[in-house]
């Protein structure tokens, strides 16, 4: 099964933000993706990173996937299909629609130290933006 690690990061809250996605395929091949997100809060960046990871996998036809996140907010929101803060409702709704496209979908919370690759990629995306070059 393909493992996808994702992370959102912000330099400030809000501040310049980035998404990082690290994909490890069954063959051992690795993919690394960084996406600059502009000015967002940390939680917004986490949701955007999750959506980016879902979209990447669908684009690549990776439809049996185990996603890993260090964000308890994302993990709980997906598990319960509910988010307390209405500011994240649309992102959650979009994520749930994308999740329906997968043949097998798993989401697992992991500690920060197990998500280093995605974190590095998210931070790289912050520095790809104009004011941080």
Protein backbone atom coordinates (compact mmCIF):
# COMPACT_ATOMS: atom_id res chain seq x y z
CA UNK A 1 0.00 0.00 0.00
CA UNK A 2 1.21 3.50 -0.83
CA UNK A 3 2.03 5.62 2.21
CA UNK A 4 1.49 9.36 1.99
CA UNK A 5 2.81 11.69 4.65
CA UNK A 6 1.56 15.28 4.55
CA UNK A 7 2.15 18.40 6.59
CA UNK A 8 1.25 22.06 6.57
CA UNK A 9 3.51 24.70 8.08
CA UNK A 10 3.33 28.45 8.70
CA UNK A 11 6.02 31.01 9.44
CA UNK A 12 3.78 32.94 11.82
CA UNK A 13 0.14 32.34 12.61
CA UNK A 14 -0.98 33.59 10.17
CA UNK A 15 2.09 33.80 7.99
CA UNK A 16 3.66 32.47 4.85
CA UNK A 17 2.61 28.85 4.63
CA UNK A 18 3.46 25.73 2.73
CA UNK A 19 2.30 22.18 2.13
CA UNK A 20 4.60 19.18 2.02
CA UNK A 21 3.72 15.73 0.70
CA UNK A 22 6.07 12.76 0.91
CA UNK A 23 4.95 9.63 -0.92
CA UNK A 24 6.51 6.21 -0.44
CA UNK A 25 5.35 3.67 -3.00
CA UNK A 26 5.33 -0.10 -2.53
CA UNK A 27 8.35 -0.37 -4.85
CA UNK A 28 10.35 1.82 -2.46
CA UNK A 29 10.25 4.79 -4.84
CA UNK A 30 9.81 8.14 -3.14
CA UNK A 31 8.15 11.33 -4.30
CA UNK A 32 8.53 14.74 -2.72
CA UNK A 33 6.18 17.67 -3.31
CA UNK A 34 6.20 21.22 -1.92
CA UNK A 35 3.40 23.71 -2.52
CA UNK A 36 3.55 27.38 -1.45
CA UNK A 37 0.21 28.43 0.05
CA UNK A 38 0.53 32.17 0.69
CA UNK A 39 -0.59 33.67 4.00
CA UNK A 40 -2.56 31.21 6.15
CA UNK A 41 -2.85 30.02 9.73
CA UNK A 42 -1.20 26.76 10.71
CA UNK A 43 -4.53 24.89 10.79
CA UNK A 44 -5.50 26.26 7.38
CA UNK A 45 -2.15 25.08 6.02
CA UNK A 46 -2.76 21.60 7.45
CA UNK A 47 -6.10 21.34 5.65
CA UNK A 48 -4.63 22.65 2.38
CA UNK A 49 -1.78 20.12 2.66
CA UNK A 50 -4.31 17.31 3.15
CA UNK A 51 -6.33 18.41 0.12
CA UNK A 52 -3.13 18.69 -1.93
CA UNK A 53 -2.12 15.15 -0.90
CA UNK A 54 -5.55 13.75 -1.80
CA UNK A 55 -5.55 15.51 -5.18
CA UNK A 56 -2.01 14.37 -5.98
CA UNK A 57 -2.91 10.75 -5.31
CA UNK A 58 -6.08 10.91 -7.40
CA UNK A 59 -4.14 12.55 -10.26
CA UNK A 60 -1.55 9.78 -10.13
CA UNK A 61 -4.21 7.07 -9.84
CA UNK A 62 -2.96 6.01 -6.39
CA UNK A 63 -6.30 4.83 -5.05
CA UNK A 64 -5.25 2.45 -2.26
CA UNK A 65 -3.48 4.76 0.13
CA UNK A 66 -2.57 5.09 3.78
CA UNK A 67 -2.27 8.77 4.70
CA UNK A 68 -0.21 9.87 7.71
CA UNK A 69 -0.54 13.18 9.54
CA UNK A 70 0.77 14.75 12.72
CA UNK A 71 -2.32 16.99 12.84
CA UNK A 72 -4.84 15.85 15.42
CA UNK A 73 -7.28 18.39 13.98
CA UNK A 74 -7.26 16.67 10.57
CA UNK A 75 -7.33 13.17 12.06
CA UNK A 76 -10.33 13.92 14.28
CA UNK A 77 -12.20 15.92 11.64
CA UNK A 78 -12.01 13.08 9.12
CA UNK A 79 -12.80 10.39 11.69
CA UNK A 80 -15.92 12.22 12.86
CA UNK A 81 -16.74 13.94 9.52
CA UNK A 82 -17.13 17.05 11.67
CA UNK A 83 -15.11 20.11 12.54
CA UNK A 84 -15.96 22.51 15.39
CA UNK A 85 -14.56 25.60 13.68
CA UNK A 86 -16.86 26.49 10.78
CA UNK A 87 -13.91 28.15 8.99
CA UNK A 88 -12.69 24.64 8.12
CA UNK A 89 -16.05 23.17 7.10
CA UNK A 90 -15.61 23.71 3.34
CA UNK A 91 -12.11 22.17 3.37
CA UNK A 92 -13.44 19.16 5.29
CA UNK A 93 -16.37 18.79 2.88
CA UNK A 94 -13.96 18.91 -0.07
CA UNK A 95 -11.70 16.33 1.57
CA UNK A 96 -14.61 13.96 2.25
CA UNK A 97 -15.68 14.17 -1.41
CA UNK A 98 -12.13 13.36 -2.54
CA UNK A 99 -11.85 10.48 -0.05
CA UNK A 100 -14.90 8.87 -1.70
CA UNK A 101 -12.81 8.44 -4.88
CA UNK A 102 -10.36 6.06 -3.19
CA UNK A 103 -10.72 2.29 -3.29
CA UNK A 104 -8.95 1.98 0.07
CA UNK A 105 -8.41 5.00 2.30
CA UNK A 106 -6.74 5.07 5.69
CA UNK A 107 -5.73 8.07 7.78
CA UNK A 108 -3.43 7.60 10.73
CA UNK A 109 -2.18 10.13 13.24
CA UNK A 110 1.57 9.94 13.84
CA UNK A 111 3.92 11.91 16.13
CA UNK A 112 5.81 14.89 14.65
CA UNK A 113 9.11 13.00 14.63
CA UNK A 114 7.66 10.39 12.24
CA UNK A 115 6.55 13.11 9.81
CA UNK A 116 9.94 14.80 9.26
CA UNK A 117 10.03 14.36 5.46
CA UNK A 118 6.67 16.09 4.95
CA UNK A 119 7.60 18.81 7.46
CA UNK A 120 10.85 19.59 5.59
CA UNK A 121 8.91 19.81 2.32
CA UNK A 122 6.28 22.12 3.86
CA UNK A 123 9.00 24.42 5.21
CA UNK A 124 10.73 24.40 1.82
CA UNK A 125 7.45 25.65 0.30
CA UNK A 126 7.41 28.59 2.73
CA UNK A 127 10.83 29.70 1.54
CA UNK A 128 9.88 29.31 -2.13
CA UNK A 129 7.66 32.37 -1.75
CA UNK A 130 8.72 35.84 -2.85
CA UNK A 131 9.51 37.44 0.50
CA UNK A 132 11.50 34.45 1.71
CA UNK A 133 13.91 34.00 -1.21
